[in-house]
PDB file of N, CA and C in Angstrom:
ATOM      1  N   MET A   1      70.115 152.545 106.452  1.00  0.00           N
ATOM      2  CA  MET A   1      70.297 151.882 105.293  1.00  0.00           C
ATOM      3  C   MET A   1      71.475 152.021 104.738  1.00  0.00           C
ATOM      4  N   ASN A   2      71.772 150.929 103.903  1.00  0.00           N
ATOM      5  CA  ASN A   2      73.328 150.546 103.535  1.00  0.00           C
ATOM      6  C   ASN A   2      73.834 151.456 102.271  1.00  0.00           C
ATOM      7  N   LEU A   3      74.664 151.269 101.651  1.00  0.00           N
ATOM      8  CA  LEU A   3      74.796 151.902 100.231  1.00  0.00           C
ATOM      9  C   LEU A   3      74.334 151.331  99.442  1.00  0.00           C
ATOM     10  N   TYR A   4      74.648 150.071  99.210  1.00  0.00           N
ATOM     11  CA  TYR A   4      73.817 149.195  98.145  1.00  0.00           C
ATOM     12  C   TYR A   4      72.425 149.532  98.124  1.00  0.00           C
ATOM     13  N   LEU A   5      71.547 149.302  98.947  1.00  0.00           N
ATOM     14  CA  LEU A   5      70.121 149.900  99.115  1.00  0.00           C
ATOM     15  C   LEU A   5      69.822 151.034  98.350  1.00  0.00           C
ATOM     16  N   LEU A   6      70.831 151.887  99.101  1.00  0.00           N
ATOM     17  CA  LEU A   6      70.290 153.591  98.485  1.00  0.00           C
ATOM     18  C   LEU A   6      70.400 153.478  96.747  1.00  0.00           C
ATOM     19  N   TYR A   7      71.673 152.877  96.186  1.00  0.00           N
ATOM     20  CA  TYR A   7      72.276 152.846  94.861  1.00  0.00           C
ATOM     21  C   TYR A   7      71.253 151.956  94.427  1.00  0.00           C
ATOM     22  N   SER A   8      70.464 150.889  94.756  1.00  0.00           N
ATOM     23  CA  SER A   8      69.218 150.025  93.942  1.00  0.00           C
ATOM     24  C   SER A   8      68.006 151.023  93.797  1.00  0.00           C
ATOM     25  N   ILE A   9      67.659 151.854  94.846  1.00  0.00           N
ATOM     26  CA  ILE A   9      66.436 152.924  94.918  1.00  0.00           C
ATOM     27  C   ILE A   9      66.688 153.685  93.628  1.00  0.00           C
ATOM     28  N   VAL A  10      67.788 154.376  93.827  1.00  0.00           N
ATOM     29  CA  VAL A  10      67.921 155.593  92.502  1.00  0.00           C
ATOM     30  C   VAL A  10      68.149 155.203  91.434  1.00  0.00           C
ATOM     31  N   LEU A  11      68.793 153.740  91.195  1.00  0.00           N
ATOM     32  CA  LEU A  11      68.980 153.336  89.909  1.00  0.00           C
ATOM     33  C   LEU A  11      67.645 153.068  89.609  1.00  0.00           C
ATOM     34  N   SER A  12      66.733 152.285  90.361  1.00  0.00           N
ATOM     35  CA  SER A  12      65.402 151.935  89.814  1.00  0.00           C
ATOM     36  C   SER A  12      64.406 153.184  89.506  1.00  0.00           C
ATOM     37  N   ASP A  13      64.782 154.372  90.094  1.00  0.00           N
ATOM     38  CA  ASP A  13      63.792 155.297  89.953  1.00  0.00           C
ATOM     39  C   ASP A  13      64.180 155.925  88.573  1.00  0.00           C
ATOM     40  N   TYR A  14      65.517 155.955  88.536  1.00  0.00           N
ATOM     41  CA  TYR A  14      65.989 156.489  86.901  1.00  0.00           C
ATOM     42  C   TYR A  14      65.745 155.560  86.066  1.00  0.00           C
ATOM     43  N   ILE A  15      65.656 154.074  86.183  1.00  0.00           N
ATOM     44  CA  ILE A  15      65.140 153.180  85.061  1.00  0.00           C
ATOM     45  C   ILE A  15      63.818 153.691  84.967  1.00  0.00           C
ATOM     46  N   LEU A  16      62.955 153.592  85.588  1.00  0.00           N
ATOM     47  CA  LEU A  16      61.202 154.027  85.845  1.00  0.00           C
ATOM     48  C   LEU A  16      61.032 155.249  84.999  1.00  0.00           C
ATOM     49  N   LEU A  17      61.892 156.023  85.167  1.00  0.00           N
ATOM     50  CA  LEU A  17      62.031 157.677  84.888  1.00  0.00           C
ATOM     51  C   LEU A  17      62.465 157.699  83.148  1.00  0.00           C
ATOM     52  N   TYR A  18      63.065 156.941  82.943  1.00  0.00           N
ATOM     53  CA  TYR A  18      63.666 156.878  81.376  1.00  0.00           C
ATOM     54  C   TYR A  18      62.248 155.902  80.935  1.00  0.00           C
ATOM     55  N   TYR A  19      61.964 155.184  81.586  1.00  0.00           N
ATOM     56  CA  TYR A  19      60.576 154.348  81.022  1.00  0.00           C
ATOM     57  C   TYR A  19      59.458 155.213  80.577  1.00  0.00           C
ATOM     58  N   LEU A  20      59.125 155.824  81.325  1.00  0.00           N
ATOM     59  CA  LEU A  20      58.110 156.545  81.457  1.00  0.00           C
ATOM     60  C   LEU A  20      58.628 157.851  80.120  1.00  0.00           C
ATOM     61  N   LEU A  21      59.650 158.170  80.116  1.00  0.00           N
ATOM     62  CA  LEU A  21      59.797 159.397  79.006  1.00  0.00           C
ATOM     63  C   LEU A  21      59.868 158.848  77.935  1.00  0.00           C
ATOM     64  N   PHE A  22      60.690 157.542  77.508  1.00  0.00           N
ATOM     65  CA  PHE A  22      61.170 157.021  76.466  1.00  0.00           C
ATOM     66  C   PHE A  22      60.713 155.760  75.971  1.00  0.00           C
ATOM     67  N   CYS A  23      60.075 154.976  76.565  1.00  0.00           N
ATOM     68  CA  CYS A  23      59.581 153.700  76.033  1.00  0.00           C
ATOM     69  C   CYS A  23      58.397 153.513  76.178  1.00  0.00           C
ATOM     70  N   THR A  24      57.414 154.354  76.550  1.00  0.00           N
ATOM     71  CA  THR A  24      56.242 154.012  76.373  1.00  0.00           C
ATOM     72  C   THR A  24      55.512 153.867  74.986  1.00  0.00           C
ATOM     73  N   ASP A  25      54.719 153.130  75.012  1.00  0.00           N
ATOM     74  CA  ASP A  25      54.148 153.284  73.737  1.00  0.00           C
ATOM     75  C   ASP A  25      52.862 154.078  73.629  1.00  0.00           C
ATOM     76  N   VAL A  26      53.186 155.113  73.115  1.00  0.00           N
ATOM     77  CA  VAL A  26      52.128 156.359  73.264  1.00  0.00           C
ATOM     78  C   VAL A  26      51.988 157.089  72.095  1.00  0.00           C
ATOM     79  N   SER A  27      51.073 157.674  71.316  1.00  0.00           N
ATOM     80  CA  SER A  27      51.500 158.284  70.548  1.00  0.00           C
ATOM     81  C   SER A  27      51.475 159.888  70.896  1.00  0.00           C
ATOM     82  N   PRO A  28      51.800 160.761  70.150  1.00  0.00           N
ATOM     83  CA  PRO A  28      52.195 161.984  70.885  1.00  0.00           C
ATOM     84  C   PRO A  28      50.916 163.098  70.739  1.00  0.00           C
ATOM     85  N   SER A  29      50.979 163.998  71.556  1.00  0.00           N
ATOM     86  CA  SER A  29      50.012 164.835  71.694  1.00  0.00           C
ATOM     87  C   SER A  29      50.293 165.750  70.451  1.00  0.00           C
ATOM     88  N   MET A  30      49.302 167.055  70.358  1.00  0.00           N
ATOM     89  CA  MET A  30      49.326 167.628  69.709  1.00  0.00           C
ATOM     90  C   MET A  30      50.573 168.857  69.743  1.00  0.00           C
ATOM     91  N   PRO A  31      51.211 169.435  68.746  1.00  0.00           N
ATOM     92  CA  PRO A  31      52.440 170.220  68.955  1.00  0.00           C
ATOM     93  C   PRO A  31      52.021 171.619  69.501  1.00  0.00           C
ATOM     94  N   THR A  32      52.658 171.797  70.433  1.00  0.00           N
ATOM     95  CA  THR A  32      51.979 173.402  71.018  1.00  0.00           C
ATOM     96  C   THR A  32      52.834 174.583  70.339  1.00  0.00           C
ATOM     97  N   ASN A  33      52.398 175.911  70.832  1.00  0.00           N
ATOM     98  CA  ASN A  33      52.704 177.094  70.234  1.00  0.00           C
ATOM     99  C   ASN A  33      53.563 177.096  68.984  1.00  0.00           C
ATOM    100  N   PHE A  34      52.516 176.820  68.044  1.00  0.00           N
ATOM    101  CA  PHE A  34      52.667 176.692  66.760  1.00  0.00           C
ATOM    102  C   PHE A  34      52.232 178.344  66.047  1.00  0.00           C
ATOM    103  N   ARG A  35      53.510 178.511  65.340  1.00  0.00           N
ATOM    104  CA  ARG A  35      53.383 180.094  65.172  1.00  0.00           C
ATOM    105  C   ARG A  35      54.248 180.313  63.846  1.00  0.00           C
ATOM    106  N   HIS A  36      54.374 181.288  63.383  1.00  0.00           N
ATOM    107  CA  HIS A  36      55.622 182.088  62.695  1.00  0.00           C
ATOM    108  C   HIS A  36      56.430 182.899  63.228  1.00  0.00           C
ATOM    109  N   SER A  37      57.645 182.605  63.274  1.00  0.00           N
ATOM    110  CA  SER A  37      58.739 183.984  63.454  1.00  0.00           C
ATOM    111  C   SER A  37      58.951 184.664  62.446  1.00  0.00           C
ATOM    112  N   SER A  38      58.788 184.531  61.366  1.00  0.00           N
ATOM    113  CA  SER A  38      59.080 185.816  59.796  1.00  0.00           C
ATOM    114  C   SER A  38      58.163 185.259  59.106  1.00  0.00           C
ATOM    115  N   VAL A  39      57.555 185.775  57.951  1.00  0.00           N
ATOM    116  CA  VAL A  39      56.921 186.288  56.842  1.00  0.00           C
ATOM    117  C   VAL A  39      57.780 187.103  55.854  1.00  0.00           C
ATOM    118  N   SER A  40      57.524 186.416  54.632  1.00  0.00           N
ATOM    119  CA  SER A  40      58.052 187.383  53.371  1.00  0.00           C
ATOM    120  C   SER A  40      56.985 187.290  52.343  1.00  0.00           C
ATOM    121  N   SER A  41      57.350 187.849  51.356  1.00  0.00           N
ATOM    122  CA  SER A  41      56.338 187.520  49.993  1.00  0.00           C
ATOM    123  C   SER A  41      56.031 186.406  49.817  1.00  0.00           C
ATOM    124  N   THR A  42      57.338 185.353  49.863  1.00  0.00           N
ATOM    125  CA  THR A  42      57.577 183.945  49.254  1.00  0.00           C
ATOM    126  C   THR A  42      57.584 182.770  50.270  1.00  0.00           C
ATOM    127  N   GLU A  43      58.201 183.372  51.452  1.00  0.00           N
ATOM    128  CA  GLU A  43      58.390 182.428  52.224  1.00  0.00           C
ATOM    129  C   GLU A  43      58.145 182.881  53.823  1.00  0.00           C
ATOM    130  N   VAL A  44      57.907 181.629  54.485  1.00  0.00           N
ATOM    131  CA  VAL A  44      57.556 181.676  55.898  1.00  0.00           C
ATOM    132  C   VAL A  44      58.118 180.892  56.708  1.00  0.00           C
ATOM    133  N   VAL A  45      58.880 181.102  57.954  1.00  0.00           N
ATOM    134  CA  VAL A  45      59.449 180.317  58.829  1.00  0.00           C
ATOM    135  C   VAL A  45      58.338 180.102  60.160  1.00  0.00           C
ATOM    136  N   LEU A  46      58.192 178.640  60.278  1.00  0.00           N
ATOM    137  CA  LEU A  46      57.460 178.211  61.265  1.00  0.00           C
ATOM    138  C   LEU A  46      58.042 177.749  62.434  1.00  0.00           C
ATOM    139  N   THR A  47      57.504 177.941  63.354  1.00  0.00           N
ATOM    140  CA  THR A  47      57.942 177.256  65.135  1.00  0.00           C
ATOM    141  C   THR A  47      57.369 176.763  65.997  1.00  0.00           C
ATOM    142  N   TRP A  48      57.554 175.589  66.555  1.00  0.00           N
ATOM    143  CA  TRP A  48      56.419 174.733  67.228  1.00  0.00           C
ATOM    144  C   TRP A  48      57.500 174.143  68.361  1.00  0.00           C
ATOM    145  N   ALA A  49      56.684 173.882  69.634  1.00  0.00           N
ATOM    146  CA  ALA A  49      57.178 173.418  70.757  1.00  0.00           C
ATOM    147  C   ALA A  49      57.002 171.833  70.587  1.00  0.00           C
ATOM    148  N   SER A  50      57.831 171.025  71.292  1.00  0.00           N
ATOM    149  CA  SER A  50      57.650 169.608  70.941  1.00  0.00           C
ATOM    150  C   SER A  50      56.366 169.280  71.983  1.00  0.00           C
ATOM    151  N   PRO A  51      55.858 168.321  71.579  1.00  0.00           N
ATOM    152  CA  PRO A  51      54.400 168.003  72.195  1.00  0.00           C
ATOM    153  C   PRO A  51      54.159 167.641  73.363  1.00  0.00           C
ATOM    154  N   SER A  52      55.250 166.387  73.695  1.00  0.00           N
ATOM    155  CA  SER A  52      55.140 165.777  74.949  1.00  0.00           C
ATOM    156  C   SER A  52      56.339 164.801  75.294  1.00  0.00           C
ATOM    157  N   PRO A  53      56.234 164.345  76.436  1.00  0.00           N
ATOM    158  CA  PRO A  53      58.015 163.653  76.701  1.00  0.00           C
ATOM    159  C   PRO A  53      57.918 162.534  76.168  1.00  0.00           C
ATOM    160  N   VAL A  54      57.518 162.181  74.843  1.00  0.00           N
ATOM    161  CA  VAL A  54      57.439 161.094  74.042  1.00  0.00           C
ATOM    162  C   VAL A  54      58.526 161.498  72.664  1.00  0.00           C
ATOM    163  N   ILE A  55      59.130 160.461  72.891  1.00  0.00           N
ATOM    164  CA  ILE A  55      60.025 160.662  71.284  1.00  0.00           C
ATOM    165  C   ILE A  55      59.460 160.899  70.071  1.00  0.00           C
ATOM    166  N   ILE A  56      59.652 161.954  69.312  1.00  0.00           N
ATOM    167  CA  ILE A  56      59.099 162.363  68.315  1.00  0.00           C
ATOM    168  C   ILE A  56      59.924 161.867  66.774  1.00  0.00           C
ATOM    169  N   ASN A  57      59.700 161.367  65.972  1.00  0.00           N
ATOM    170  CA  ASN A  57      60.436 160.727  64.714  1.00  0.00           C
ATOM    171  C   ASN A  57      60.674 161.742  63.706  1.00  0.00           C
ATOM    172  N   MET A  58      59.233 162.380  63.210  1.00  0.00           N
ATOM    173  CA  MET A  58      59.041 163.484  62.365  1.00  0.00           C
ATOM    174  C   MET A  58      57.891 164.176  62.813  1.00  0.00           C
ATOM    175  N   TYR A  59      58.151 165.796  62.138  1.00  0.00           N
ATOM    176  CA  TYR A  59      56.897 166.677  61.890  1.00  0.00           C
ATOM    177  C   TYR A  59      56.734 166.829  60.459  1.00  0.00           C
ATOM    178  N   THR A  60      55.244 166.831  60.394  1.00  0.00           N
ATOM    179  CA  THR A  60      54.668 166.924  59.080  1.00  0.00           C
ATOM    180  C   THR A  60      53.834 168.237  58.841  1.00  0.00           C
ATOM    181  N   ILE A  61      54.660 168.987  58.297  1.00  0.00           N
ATOM    182  CA  ILE A  61      53.626 170.352  57.801  1.00  0.00           C
ATOM    183  C   ILE A  61      52.732 170.311  56.327  1.00  0.00           C
ATOM    184  N   ASN A  62      51.670 170.631  56.580  1.00  0.00           N
ATOM    185  CA  ASN A  62      50.889 170.568  55.092  1.00  0.00           C
ATOM    186  C   ASN A  62      50.238 171.849  54.872  1.00  0.00           C
ATOM    187  N   TYR A  63      50.041 172.391  53.630  1.00  0.00           N
ATOM    188  CA  TYR A  63      49.570 173.995  53.396  1.00  0.00           C
ATOM    189  C   TYR A  63      49.190 174.043  52.178  1.00  0.00           C
ATOM    190  N   THR A  64      47.789 174.916  52.632  1.00  0.00           N
ATOM    191  CA  THR A  64      46.717 174.869  51.079  1.00  0.00           C
ATOM    192  C   THR A  64      46.562 176.669  51.261  1.00  0.00           C
ATOM    193  N   LYS A  65      46.101 176.862  49.977  1.00  0.00           N
ATOM    194  CA  LYS A  65      45.856 178.624  49.946  1.00  0.00           C
ATOM    195  C   LYS A  65      44.525 178.311  50.655  1.00  0.00           C
ATOM    196  N   VAL A  66      44.421 179.552  51.080  1.00  0.00           N
ATOM    197  CA  VAL A  66      42.815 179.505  51.841  1.00  0.00           C
ATOM    198  C   VAL A  66      41.568 180.314  51.058  1.00  0.00           C
ATOM    199  N   GLY A  67      40.601 179.618  50.651  1.00  0.00           N
ATOM    200  CA  GLY A  67      39.608 180.820  50.118  1.00  0.00           C
ATOM    201  C   GLY A  67      40.004 180.543  48.681  1.00  0.00           C
ATOM    202  N   GLY A  68      39.201 182.010  47.889  1.00  0.00           N
ATOM    203  CA  GLY A  68      39.670 182.170  46.574  1.00  0.00           C
ATOM    204  C   GLY A  68      38.835 181.010  45.370  1.00  0.00           C
ATOM    205  N   CYS A  69      38.862 181.516  43.932  1.00  0.00           N
ATOM    206  CA  CYS A  69      38.129 180.892  43.183  1.00  0.00           C
ATOM    207  C   CYS A  69      38.849 179.653  42.435  1.00  0.00           C
ATOM    208  N   THR A  70      40.215 179.900  42.176  1.00  0.00           N
ATOM    209  CA  THR A  70      40.989 178.764  41.919  1.00  0.00           C
ATOM    210  C   THR A  70      40.897 177.176  42.866  1.00  0.00           C
ATOM    211  N   GLU A  71      41.306 176.445  42.305  1.00  0.00           N
ATOM    212  CA  GLU A  71      41.828 175.305  43.225  1.00  0.00           C
ATOM    213  C   GLU A  71      42.973 175.396  43.813  1.00  0.00           C
ATOM    214  N   ALA A  72      42.956 175.437  45.337  1.00  0.00           N
ATOM    215  CA  ALA A  72      44.126 175.494  46.124  1.00  0.00           C
ATOM    216  C   ALA A  72      45.075 174.274  46.095  1.00  0.00           C
ATOM    217  N   PRO A  73      46.396 174.929  45.373  1.00  0.00           N
ATOM    218  CA  PRO A  73      47.534 174.294  45.505  1.00  0.00           C
ATOM    219  C   PRO A  73      48.283 173.952  47.385  1.00  0.00           C
ATOM    220  N   SER A  74      48.585 172.454  47.164  1.00  0.00           N
ATOM    221  CA  SER A  74      48.922 172.431  48.166  1.00  0.00           C
ATOM    222  C   SER A  74      50.176 171.679  48.434  1.00  0.00           C
ATOM    223  N   GLY A  75      50.718 171.610  49.932  1.00  0.00           N
ATOM    224  CA  GLY A  75      52.087 171.270  49.855  1.00  0.00           C
ATOM    225  C   GLY A  75      52.492 170.654  50.949  1.00  0.00           C
ATOM    226  N   THR A  76      53.551 169.809  50.939  1.00  0.00           N
ATOM    227  CA  THR A  76      53.886 169.345  52.237  1.00  0.00           C
ATOM    228  C   THR A  76      55.135 169.149  52.671  1.00  0.00           C
ATOM    229  N   ASP A  77      55.529 169.278  53.683  1.00  0.00           N
ATOM    230  CA  ASP A  77      57.039 169.289  53.975  1.00  0.00           C
ATOM    231  C   ASP A  77      57.163 168.585  55.380  1.00  0.00           C
ATOM    232  N   SER A  78      58.604 167.989  55.544  1.00  0.00           N
ATOM    233  CA  SER A  78      58.682 167.254  56.782  1.00  0.00           C
ATOM    234  C   SER A  78      60.052 167.832  57.460  1.00  0.00           C
ATOM    235  N   THR A  79      60.254 167.552  58.488  1.00  0.00           N
ATOM    236  CA  THR A  79      61.477 168.101  59.413  1.00  0.00           C
ATOM    237  C   THR A  79      61.690 167.119  60.972  1.00  0.00           C
ATOM    238  N   ALA A  80      62.554 166.883  61.131  1.00  0.00           N
ATOM    239  CA  ALA A  80      62.849 166.355  62.443  1.00  0.00           C
ATOM    240  C   ALA A  80      63.246 167.399  63.385  1.00  0.00           C
ATOM    241  N   MET A  81      62.950 168.535  63.417  1.00  0.00           N
ATOM    242  CA  MET A  81      63.421 169.928  64.190  1.00  0.00           C
ATOM    243  C   MET A  81      61.879 170.620  64.451  1.00  0.00           C
ATOM    244  N   THR A  82      62.354 171.513  65.101  1.00  0.00           N
ATOM    245  CA  THR A  82      60.990 172.146  65.806  1.00  0.00           C
ATOM    246  C   THR A  82      60.699 173.436  64.991  1.00  0.00           C
ATOM    247  N   ALA A  83      61.505 173.642  63.918  1.00  0.00           N
ATOM    248  CA  ALA A  83      61.321 175.075  62.987  1.00  0.00           C
ATOM    249  C   ALA A  83      61.186 174.305  61.738  1.00  0.00           C
ATOM    250  N   ILE A  84      60.927 175.092  60.614  1.00  0.00           N
ATOM    251  CA  ILE A  84      61.020 175.173  59.268  1.00  0.00           C
ATOM    252  C   ILE A  84      60.947 176.183  58.258  1.00  0.00           C
ATOM    253  N   THR A  85      61.572 176.487  57.407  1.00  0.00           N
ATOM    254  CA  THR A  85      61.329 177.364  56.507  1.00  0.00           C
ATOM    255  C   THR A  85      60.412 177.009  55.387  1.00  0.00           C
ATOM    256  N   ILE A  86      59.520 177.506  54.817  1.00  0.00           N
ATOM    257  CA  ILE A  86      58.608 176.521  53.794  1.00  0.00           C
ATOM    258  C   ILE A  86      58.838 177.731  52.429  1.00  0.00           C
ATOM    259  N   SER A  87      59.231 177.531  51.197  1.00  0.00           N
ATOM    260  CA  SER A  87      59.528 178.748  50.569  1.00  0.00           C
ATOM    261  C   SER A  87      58.504 178.308  48.961  1.00  0.00           C
ATOM    262  N   GLY A  88      59.039 179.218  48.210  1.00  0.00           N
ATOM    263  CA  GLY A  88      57.838 178.702  46.870  1.00  0.00           C
ATOM    264  C   GLY A  88      56.389 179.405  47.066  1.00  0.00           C
ATOM    265  N   LEU A  89      56.093 180.309  47.954  1.00  0.00           N
ATOM    266  CA  LEU A  89      54.721 180.564  48.394  1.00  0.00           C
ATOM    267  C   LEU A  89      54.668 181.778  47.383  1.00  0.00           C
ATOM    268  N   GLU A  90      53.526 181.900  47.111  1.00  0.00           N
ATOM    269  CA  GLU A  90      52.940 183.470  46.423  1.00  0.00           C
ATOM    270  C   GLU A  90      52.700 184.689  47.242  1.00  0.00           C
ATOM    271  N   GLU A  91      52.907 185.773  46.529  1.00  0.00           N
ATOM    272  CA  GLU A  91      52.767 186.665  47.151  1.00  0.00           C
ATOM    273  C   GLU A  91      51.531 187.113  47.774  1.00  0.00           C
ATOM    274  N   ASN A  92      50.864 187.897  48.463  1.00  0.00           N
ATOM    275  CA  ASN A  92      49.808 188.359  49.356  1.00  0.00           C
ATOM    276  C   ASN A  92      48.575 187.317  49.349  1.00  0.00           C
ATOM    277  N   ILE A  93      48.915 185.973  49.843  1.00  0.00           N
ATOM    278  CA  ILE A  93      47.867 184.894  49.681  1.00  0.00           C
ATOM    279  C   ILE A  93      47.604 184.513  51.435  1.00  0.00           C
ATOM    280  N   GLU A  94      46.798 183.968  51.503  1.00  0.00           N
ATOM    281  CA  GLU A  94      46.725 183.472  52.861  1.00  0.00           C
ATOM    282  C   GLU A  94      46.856 181.799  52.254  1.00  0.00           C
ATOM    283  N   TYR A  95      47.570 181.373  53.661  1.00  0.00           N
ATOM    284  CA  TYR A  95      47.717 179.982  53.921  1.00  0.00           C
ATOM    285  C   TYR A  95      47.786 179.332  54.696  1.00  0.00           C
ATOM    286  N   GLU A  96      47.134 178.220  55.278  1.00  0.00           N
ATOM    287  CA  GLU A  96      46.913 177.443  56.164  1.00  0.00           C
ATOM    288  C   GLU A  96      47.561 176.438  56.033  1.00  0.00           C
ATOM    289  N   PHE A  97      48.359 176.556  57.374  1.00  0.00           N
ATOM    290  CA  PHE A  97      49.519 175.645  57.617  1.00  0.00           C
ATOM    291  C   PHE A  97      48.785 174.641  58.612  1.00  0.00           C
ATOM    292  N   THR A  98      48.905 173.055  58.586  1.00  0.00           N
ATOM    293  CA  THR A  98      48.699 171.873  59.515  1.00  0.00           C
ATOM    294  C   THR A  98      49.570 171.388  59.864  1.00  0.00           C
ATOM    295  N   LEU A  99      50.135 170.978  61.153  1.00  0.00           N
ATOM    296  CA  LEU A  99      51.414 170.097  61.702  1.00  0.00           C
ATOM    297  C   LEU A  99      51.062 169.217  62.493  1.00  0.00           C
ATOM    298  N   THR A 100      51.473 168.138  62.054  1.00  0.00           N
ATOM    299  CA  THR A 100      51.475 166.700  63.145  1.00  0.00           C
ATOM    300  C   THR A 100      52.826 166.464  63.571  1.00  0.00           C
ATOM    301  N   ALA A 101      52.575 165.809  64.795  1.00  0.00           N
ATOM    302  CA  ALA A 101      53.998 165.256  65.319  1.00  0.00           C
ATOM    303  C   ALA A 101      53.838 163.591  64.989  1.00  0.00           C
ATOM    304  N   THR A 102      54.696 162.660  64.610  1.00  0.00           N
ATOM    305  CA  THR A 102      54.768 161.353  64.239  1.00  0.00           C
ATOM    306  C   THR A 102      55.561 160.814  64.959  1.00  0.00           C
ATOM    307  N   ASN A 103      55.711 159.573  65.703  1.00  0.00           N
ATOM    308  CA  ASN A 103      56.265 158.777  66.384  1.00  0.00           C
ATOM    309  C   ASN A 103      56.024 157.120  65.824  1.00  0.00           C
ATOM    310  N   ASN A 104      56.899 156.043  66.560  1.00  0.00           N
ATOM    311  CA  ASN A 104      56.588 154.634  66.129  1.00  0.00           C
ATOM    312  C   ASN A 104      55.381 154.291  66.444  1.00  0.00           C
ATOM    313  N   VAL A 105      54.441 155.077  67.418  1.00  0.00           N
ATOM    314  CA  VAL A 105      53.331 154.561  67.726  1.00  0.00           C
ATOM    315  C   VAL A 105      51.991 155.119  67.245  1.00  0.00           C
ATOM    316  N   GLY A 106      52.086 156.636  66.412  1.00  0.00           N
ATOM    317  CA  GLY A 106      51.051 156.842  65.745  1.00  0.00           C
ATOM    318  C   GLY A 106      51.436 158.671  65.390  1.00  0.00           C
ATOM    319  N   THR A 107      50.241 159.274  65.086  1.00  0.00           N
ATOM    320  CA  THR A 107      50.282 160.753  64.586  1.00  0.00           C
ATOM    321  C   THR A 107      49.628 161.611  65.658  1.00  0.00           C
ATOM    322  N   SER A 108      49.738 162.869  65.884  1.00  0.00           N
ATOM    323  CA  SER A 108      49.188 163.527  66.532  1.00  0.00           C
ATOM    324  C   SER A 108      47.712 164.002  66.051  1.00  0.00           C
ATOM    325  N   SER A 109      46.942 164.577  66.895  1.00  0.00           N
ATOM    326  CA  SER A 109      46.241 166.017  66.498  1.00  0.00           C
ATOM    327  C   SER A 109      46.641 166.915  65.514  1.00  0.00           C
ATOM    328  N   PRO A 110      46.077 167.463  64.486  1.00  0.00           N
ATOM    329  CA  PRO A 110      46.858 168.526  63.808  1.00  0.00           C
ATOM    330  C   PRO A 110      46.908 169.823  64.641  1.00  0.00           C
ATOM    331  N   ALA A 111      47.839 170.624  64.630  1.00  0.00           N
ATOM    332  CA  ALA A 111      47.833 171.767  65.379  1.00  0.00           C
ATOM    333  C   ALA A 111      47.759 172.866  63.821  1.00  0.00           C
ATOM    334  N   THR A 112      47.013 173.680  63.879  1.00  0.00           N
ATOM    335  CA  THR A 112      46.787 174.868  62.405  1.00  0.00           C
ATOM    336  C   THR A 112      47.449 176.123  62.892  1.00  0.00           C
ATOM    337  N   HIS A 113      47.748 177.036  61.810  1.00  0.00           N
ATOM    338  CA  HIS A 113      48.172 178.540  61.669  1.00  0.00           C
ATOM    339  C   HIS A 113      47.726 178.688  60.682  1.00  0.00           C
ATOM    340  N   THR A 114      47.139 179.713  60.473  1.00  0.00           N
ATOM    341  CA  THR A 114      47.081 180.812  58.741  1.00  0.00           C
ATOM    342  C   THR A 114      47.537 182.147  59.403  1.00  0.00           C
ATOM    343  N   ILE A 115      48.357 182.459  57.801  1.00  0.00           N
ATOM    344  CA  ILE A 115      49.449 183.295  57.772  1.00  0.00           C
ATOM    345  C   ILE A 115      49.438 184.246  56.140  1.00  0.00           C
ATOM    346  N   THR A 116      49.233 185.233  56.003  1.00  0.00           N
ATOM    347  CA  THR A 116      49.272 185.785  54.715  1.00  0.00           C
ATOM    348  C   THR A 116      50.432 186.258  54.419  1.00  0.00           C
ATOM    349  N   THR A 117      50.800 186.045  53.380  1.00  0.00           N
ATOM    350  CA  THR A 117      52.789 186.396  53.016  1.00  0.00           C
ATOM    351  C   THR A 117      52.099 187.790  52.389  1.00  0.00           C
ATOM    352  N   LEU A 118      53.190 188.217  52.377  1.00  0.00           N
ATOM    353  CA  LEU A 118      53.281 190.146  52.250  1.00  0.00           C
ATOM    354  C   LEU A 118      53.188 190.237  50.379  1.00  0.00           C
ATOM    355  N   SER A 119      53.118 191.370  50.367  1.00  0.00           N
ATOM    356  CA  SER A 119      53.340 192.138  48.856  1.00  0.00           C
ATOM    357  C   SER A 119      54.787 192.055  48.912  1.00  0.00           C
ATOM    358  N   ALA A 120      54.962 192.026  47.156  1.00  0.00           N
ATOM    359  CA  ALA A 120      56.326 192.031  46.813  1.00  0.00           C
ATOM    360  C   ALA A 120      57.184 193.331  46.718  1.00  0.00           C
ATOM    361  N   GLY A 121      56.205 194.553  46.717  1.00  0.00           N
ATOM    362  CA  GLY A 121      56.303 195.728  46.644  1.00  0.00           C
ATOM    363  C   GLY A 121      56.677 196.255  47.898  1.00  0.00           C
TER     364      GLY A 121
END
């Protein structure tokens, strides 16, 4: 096998791999390992793993109070990173966080995580 043919095979495999990883028209799958790394009375740090080998443009985090007799205020935040700090939460309240990944093709199914903020004292 000559050097040119070997180079062509390696280059074509690289181009195919690049296309499969970055150029396919596929919506992202659900983010994985969605959890909190720290929590206080007013904020939580959430982390997750990228869902699939496609490019992710943005992660969106929605959160609401769980249960209770009052209308549950909600919030939305977004990031291009795989971690975020959500501030301005109320103490000793259970919140449900929903995370989705979005690219140019679509949005993933949501991943959820529930956590109770700590008491201030």
